[in-house]
N, C-alpha and C. Protein backbone atom coordinates (compact mmCIF):
# COMPACT_ATOMS: atom_id res chain seq x y z
N MET A 1 28.88 222.48 64.82
CA MET A 1 29.07 221.01 64.85
C MET A 1 28.01 220.69 66.70
N PHE A 2 28.00 219.58 66.70
CA PHE A 2 27.30 218.51 67.68
C PHE A 2 28.04 218.83 68.67
N SER A 3 27.76 219.28 69.64
CA SER A 3 28.38 219.21 71.31
C SER A 3 27.78 218.01 72.12
N VAL A 4 28.71 218.31 73.23
CA VAL A 4 28.41 216.71 73.98
C VAL A 4 28.74 217.77 75.88
N LEU A 5 27.73 216.92 76.57
CA LEU A 5 27.95 218.44 78.23
C LEU A 5 28.13 217.19 78.78
N ASN A 6 28.46 215.84 78.93
CA ASN A 6 28.31 214.88 79.66
C ASN A 6 29.75 214.50 79.48
N LYS A 7 30.35 213.53 80.72
CA LYS A 7 32.03 213.29 80.84
C LYS A 7 32.00 211.95 80.08
N ARG A 8 31.02 211.16 79.36
CA ARG A 8 31.06 210.05 78.52
C ARG A 8 31.68 210.65 77.38
N LYS A 9 32.90 209.73 76.80
CA LYS A 9 33.16 209.89 75.71
C LYS A 9 32.80 209.69 74.43
N GLN A 10 32.26 210.82 73.99
CA GLN A 10 30.85 210.91 72.96
C GLN A 10 31.67 212.25 71.94
N ASN A 11 30.91 212.10 70.86
CA ASN A 11 31.39 213.19 70.09
C ASN A 11 29.81 213.89 69.89
N PHE A 12 28.65 213.12 69.99
CA PHE A 12 27.14 213.81 68.96
C PHE A 12 26.29 213.47 70.84
N PHE A 13 25.03 214.10 70.02
CA PHE A 13 24.37 213.53 71.39
C PHE A 13 23.16 212.71 70.56
N ASP A 14 22.45 212.12 71.60
CA ASP A 14 21.35 211.22 71.00
C ASP A 14 19.99 211.76 71.33
N TRP A 15 20.02 213.25 71.31
CA TRP A 15 18.58 213.50 70.74
C TRP A 15 18.46 213.96 69.30
N PRO A 16 17.03 213.93 69.05
CA PRO A 16 16.65 214.23 67.70
C PRO A 16 16.87 215.24 66.89
N TYR A 17 16.66 215.11 65.81
CA TYR A 17 17.75 215.81 64.92
C TYR A 17 16.63 215.74 63.31
N LYS A 18 16.59 215.16 62.72
CA LYS A 18 16.21 215.21 61.23
C LYS A 18 15.30 214.09 60.93
N ASP A 19 14.33 213.92 60.38
CA ASP A 19 13.84 212.77 59.76
C ASP A 19 14.02 211.84 60.49
N ASN A 20 13.69 211.87 61.88
CA ASN A 20 13.78 211.16 62.89
C ASN A 20 15.15 210.23 63.16
N HIS A 21 16.18 211.01 62.96
CA HIS A 21 17.83 210.39 63.06
C HIS A 21 17.69 211.15 64.28
N THR A 22 18.79 210.75 64.95
CA THR A 22 19.57 211.40 66.29
C THR A 22 20.95 212.33 65.65
N CYS A 23 21.19 213.08 66.23
CA CYS A 23 22.47 214.20 65.84
C CYS A 23 22.96 213.33 65.85
N LYS A 24 23.33 211.72 67.14
CA LYS A 24 24.65 210.83 66.88
C LYS A 24 24.58 209.84 65.52
N GLN A 25 23.72 210.07 65.08
CA GLN A 25 23.63 209.52 63.71
C GLN A 25 24.04 210.20 62.21
N VAL A 26 23.38 211.71 62.65
CA VAL A 26 23.75 212.55 61.16
C VAL A 26 25.21 212.88 61.85
N GLY A 27 25.66 212.85 63.14
CA GLY A 27 27.08 213.81 63.26
C GLY A 27 28.41 212.91 62.20
N ALA A 28 27.49 211.27 63.04
CA ALA A 28 29.18 210.57 62.68
C ALA A 28 28.99 209.92 61.26
N LYS A 29 27.68 210.42 60.39
CA LYS A 29 28.12 209.76 59.21
C LYS A 29 28.61 210.83 58.76
N LEU A 30 28.10 212.55 58.67
CA LEU A 30 29.47 213.91 58.33
C LEU A 30 30.47 213.90 58.60
N PHE A 31 30.84 213.32 59.59
CA PHE A 31 32.08 213.27 60.22
C PHE A 31 33.16 212.08 59.25
N TYR A 32 32.41 210.99 59.52
CA TYR A 32 33.06 209.88 58.39
C TYR A 32 33.67 210.12 56.56
N ASP A 33 32.51 210.93 56.24
CA ASP A 33 32.50 211.18 55.05
C ASP A 33 33.24 212.76 54.58
N GLN A 34 33.57 213.45 55.54
CA GLN A 34 34.38 214.38 55.24
C GLN A 34 35.56 213.64 55.17
N GLY A 35 35.71 212.74 56.40
CA GLY A 35 37.32 212.76 56.39
C GLY A 35 37.90 211.54 55.61
N ILE A 36 36.88 210.61 54.55
CA ILE A 36 36.90 210.27 53.28
C ILE A 36 37.21 211.04 51.77
N GLN A 37 36.55 212.28 52.10
CA GLN A 37 35.72 213.05 50.99
C GLN A 37 37.19 213.45 50.24
N GLY A 38 37.38 213.43 49.08
CA GLY A 38 38.82 213.85 48.84
C GLY A 38 40.07 212.81 48.84
N ASN A 39 39.93 211.89 49.55
CA ASN A 39 41.23 210.97 49.56
C ASN A 39 40.90 209.77 48.84
N ASP A 40 41.88 209.20 47.99
CA ASP A 40 40.95 208.56 47.32
C ASP A 40 41.84 207.81 47.31
N TYR A 41 42.49 207.40 48.23
CA TYR A 41 43.18 205.71 48.83
C TYR A 41 41.68 205.42 49.33
N LEU A 42 41.57 206.43 50.14
CA LEU A 42 40.43 205.64 51.77
C LEU A 42 38.57 205.37 50.48
N LEU A 43 38.95 206.16 49.65
CA LEU A 43 37.78 205.61 49.00
C LEU A 43 37.79 204.19 48.09
N ALA A 44 39.34 204.37 47.91
CA ALA A 44 39.42 202.44 46.87
C ALA A 44 39.69 201.85 47.91
N PHE A 45 39.46 202.35 49.35
CA PHE A 45 40.15 201.03 50.25
C PHE A 45 38.19 200.24 50.54
N LEU A 46 37.27 201.92 50.89
CA LEU A 46 35.85 201.60 50.43
C LEU A 46 35.02 201.01 49.80
N THR A 47 35.97 200.88 48.50
CA THR A 47 35.42 200.31 47.50
C THR A 47 35.55 198.37 47.65
N GLU A 48 36.73 198.35 48.26
CA GLU A 48 37.16 196.95 48.19
C GLU A 48 36.84 196.38 49.21
N TYR A 49 37.01 197.10 50.76
CA TYR A 49 36.00 196.68 52.26
C TYR A 49 34.42 196.03 51.59
N ASN A 50 33.92 196.91 50.72
CA ASN A 50 31.97 196.62 50.23
C ASN A 50 31.98 195.28 49.42
N LYS A 51 33.49 195.39 48.77
CA LYS A 51 33.44 194.50 47.97
C LYS A 51 33.80 193.13 48.46
N VAL A 52 34.73 193.02 49.10
CA VAL A 52 34.83 192.09 50.24
C VAL A 52 33.62 191.44 50.68
N TYR A 53 32.98 192.61 51.27
CA TYR A 53 31.61 192.14 52.30
C TYR A 53 30.90 191.35 51.30
N SER A 54 30.52 191.75 50.11
CA SER A 54 30.32 191.06 49.28
C SER A 54 30.18 189.92 48.72
N ARG A 55 31.41 188.89 48.78
CA ARG A 55 31.74 188.10 48.49
C ARG A 55 30.98 187.15 50.02
N ARG A 56 31.17 187.69 51.10
CA ARG A 56 31.11 187.24 52.19
C ARG A 56 29.68 185.93 52.60
N PHE A 57 29.02 187.20 52.08
CA PHE A 57 27.25 187.35 52.08
C PHE A 57 26.41 186.68 51.67
N ARG A 58 27.22 186.54 49.79
CA ARG A 58 26.78 185.95 49.21
C ARG A 58 26.89 183.77 49.04
N VAL A 59 27.54 183.76 49.95
CA VAL A 59 27.54 182.84 50.17
C VAL A 59 26.77 182.23 51.14
N ASP A 60 26.00 182.82 51.87
CA ASP A 60 24.77 181.98 52.77
C ASP A 60 24.38 181.60 52.34
N GLY A 61 23.65 180.01 53.07
CA GLY A 61 22.93 178.97 53.09
C GLY A 61 23.48 178.05 51.60
N LYS A 62 24.59 178.34 51.27
CA LYS A 62 25.52 177.58 50.53
C LYS A 62 26.10 176.63 51.64
N ILE A 63 26.73 175.19 50.85
CA ILE A 63 27.21 174.26 51.45
C ILE A 63 28.65 174.87 50.88
N PRO A 64 30.17 174.67 51.76
CA PRO A 64 31.49 174.82 51.19
C PRO A 64 31.79 174.14 49.99
N GLU A 65 31.57 173.11 49.59
CA GLU A 65 30.92 172.27 48.33
C GLU A 65 31.05 173.70 47.34
N GLU A 66 29.54 174.15 47.48
CA GLU A 66 29.24 175.39 46.28
C GLU A 66 30.05 176.57 46.65
N PHE A 67 30.60 176.42 46.68
CA PHE A 67 31.25 178.19 46.93
C PHE A 67 32.43 177.71 45.52
N SER A 68 31.55 179.75 44.95
CA SER A 68 33.24 179.74 43.93
C SER A 68 34.52 179.80 44.39
N CYS A 69 34.97 180.51 43.41
CA CYS A 69 36.79 180.81 43.54
C CYS A 69 36.79 181.65 44.35
N LYS A 70 35.65 183.32 44.30
CA LYS A 70 35.57 184.23 44.93
C LYS A 70 34.62 184.29 46.40
N ASP A 71 33.94 183.23 46.56
CA ASP A 71 33.23 183.21 48.07
C ASP A 71 34.38 182.85 48.66
N MET A 72 33.72 183.60 50.04
CA MET A 72 34.38 184.12 51.12
C MET A 72 33.70 183.36 52.82
N SER A 73 34.35 182.50 53.37
CA SER A 73 33.35 181.95 54.49
C SER A 73 33.90 182.83 55.30
N SER A 74 33.08 182.53 56.43
CA SER A 74 33.37 183.49 57.97
C SER A 74 34.38 184.00 58.22
N GLU A 75 34.91 182.71 58.53
CA GLU A 75 36.59 182.71 59.05
C GLU A 75 37.73 183.74 57.99
N GLU A 76 37.28 183.01 56.79
CA GLU A 76 38.67 184.12 55.70
C GLU A 76 38.12 185.78 56.14
N TYR A 77 36.91 185.61 55.78
CA TYR A 77 36.49 186.95 55.83
C TYR A 77 36.98 188.23 57.32
N ALA A 78 36.89 187.19 58.41
CA ALA A 78 37.19 187.79 59.67
C ALA A 78 38.59 187.89 59.90
N ARG A 79 39.20 187.20 58.76
CA ARG A 79 40.49 187.58 58.87
C ARG A 79 41.08 188.75 58.09
N TRP A 80 40.54 188.94 56.43
CA TRP A 80 40.71 189.78 56.01
C TRP A 80 40.28 190.78 56.41
N ALA A 81 39.14 191.13 57.33
CA ALA A 81 38.53 192.41 57.46
C ALA A 81 39.80 193.06 58.70
N LYS A 82 40.05 191.98 59.68
CA LYS A 82 41.39 192.41 60.63
C LYS A 82 42.06 192.46 59.71
N LEU A 83 42.76 192.09 58.93
CA LEU A 83 43.85 192.46 57.97
C LEU A 83 43.90 193.97 57.91
N ALA A 84 42.62 194.39 57.07
CA ALA A 84 41.99 195.57 56.30
C ALA A 84 42.02 196.78 57.09
N ARG A 85 41.49 196.45 58.62
CA ARG A 85 41.11 197.60 59.84
C ARG A 85 42.83 198.14 59.74
N GLN A 86 43.89 197.15 60.42
CA GLN A 86 44.83 197.27 60.71
C GLN A 86 45.66 198.00 59.19
N THR A 87 45.93 197.34 58.17
CA THR A 87 46.41 197.70 57.70
C THR A 87 45.69 199.32 56.98
N ARG A 88 43.81 199.89 57.19
CA ARG A 88 43.13 201.17 57.44
C ARG A 88 44.51 202.07 58.06
N ASN A 89 44.20 201.71 59.89
CA ASN A 89 45.14 202.23 60.53
C ASN A 89 46.45 203.11 60.28
N ASP A 90 47.37 201.68 59.83
CA ASP A 90 49.06 201.93 59.59
C ASP A 90 49.21 203.32 58.43
N TYR A 91 47.75 203.13 57.59
CA TYR A 91 47.96 204.58 56.69
C TYR A 91 47.63 205.50 57.11
N LEU A 92 46.54 205.81 58.23
CA LEU A 92 46.63 206.62 58.70
C LEU A 92 47.18 207.44 59.66
N ASP A 93 47.88 206.64 60.27
CA ASP A 93 49.16 206.93 61.19
C ASP A 93 50.15 207.30 60.42
N GLY A 94 49.88 206.81 58.83
CA GLY A 94 51.58 207.44 58.35
C GLY A 94 52.64 206.29 58.03
N LYS A 95 52.23 205.40 58.77
CA LYS A 95 53.33 204.62 58.71
C LYS A 95 53.77 203.49 57.36
N ILE A 96 52.35 204.01 56.49
CA ILE A 96 52.92 203.03 55.07
C ILE A 96 51.81 203.90 54.13
N THR A 97 52.24 203.85 52.67
CA THR A 97 51.58 204.47 52.05
C THR A 97 50.08 204.29 51.37
N GLY A 98 49.43 204.58 50.81
CA GLY A 98 48.18 204.44 50.02
C GLY A 98 48.36 203.60 48.88
N GLU A 99 49.76 203.68 48.64
CA GLU A 99 49.64 202.12 47.51
C GLU A 99 50.24 200.96 48.08
N GLU A 100 50.49 201.30 49.02
CA GLU A 100 51.46 199.78 50.39
C GLU A 100 49.27 199.30 50.97
N MET A 101 48.77 200.72 51.41
CA MET A 101 47.16 199.87 52.01
C MET A 101 46.63 199.25 50.89
N LEU A 102 46.71 199.67 49.89
CA LEU A 102 45.65 199.37 48.76
C LEU A 102 45.96 197.59 47.94
N THR A 103 47.29 197.38 48.06
CA THR A 103 48.36 195.96 47.37
C THR A 103 47.61 195.28 49.02
N LYS A 104 48.41 195.27 50.14
CA LYS A 104 48.11 195.00 50.80
C LYS A 104 46.10 194.10 51.00
N ILE A 105 45.66 194.94 50.90
CA ILE A 105 44.51 194.51 51.26
C ILE A 105 43.49 193.93 49.86
N LYS A 106 43.80 193.77 49.06
CA LYS A 106 43.59 193.53 48.02
C LYS A 106 43.48 192.22 47.50
N ALA A 107 41.93 191.41 47.20
CA ALA A 107 41.46 190.14 47.42
C ALA A 107 41.26 189.77 46.56
N ASN A 108 42.04 188.14 46.90
CA ASN A 108 42.24 187.47 44.99
C ASN A 108 41.35 187.16 44.64
């Protein structure tokens, strides 16, 4: 585990680690990967999040009249992302089930 010796609220150092990465970069990624590993609902959440993220960024350079039915504007994406984050947090806090989380975040 990477430790912190100062009073700032950090989990990892900014020190060089491997392959020009810092302990903070490597540790945060490992911590995240271990958190979703083995949790099928969080993996499905990540898949849906990436799908919607792609829908948002493929419209760059298009005018609204050129949007397909699956394209998403910046405003629509911002609203969806806020809902998705809150829904994921509710799942992690045990307020809703994994099935409920996935139902709520499914983008049409």
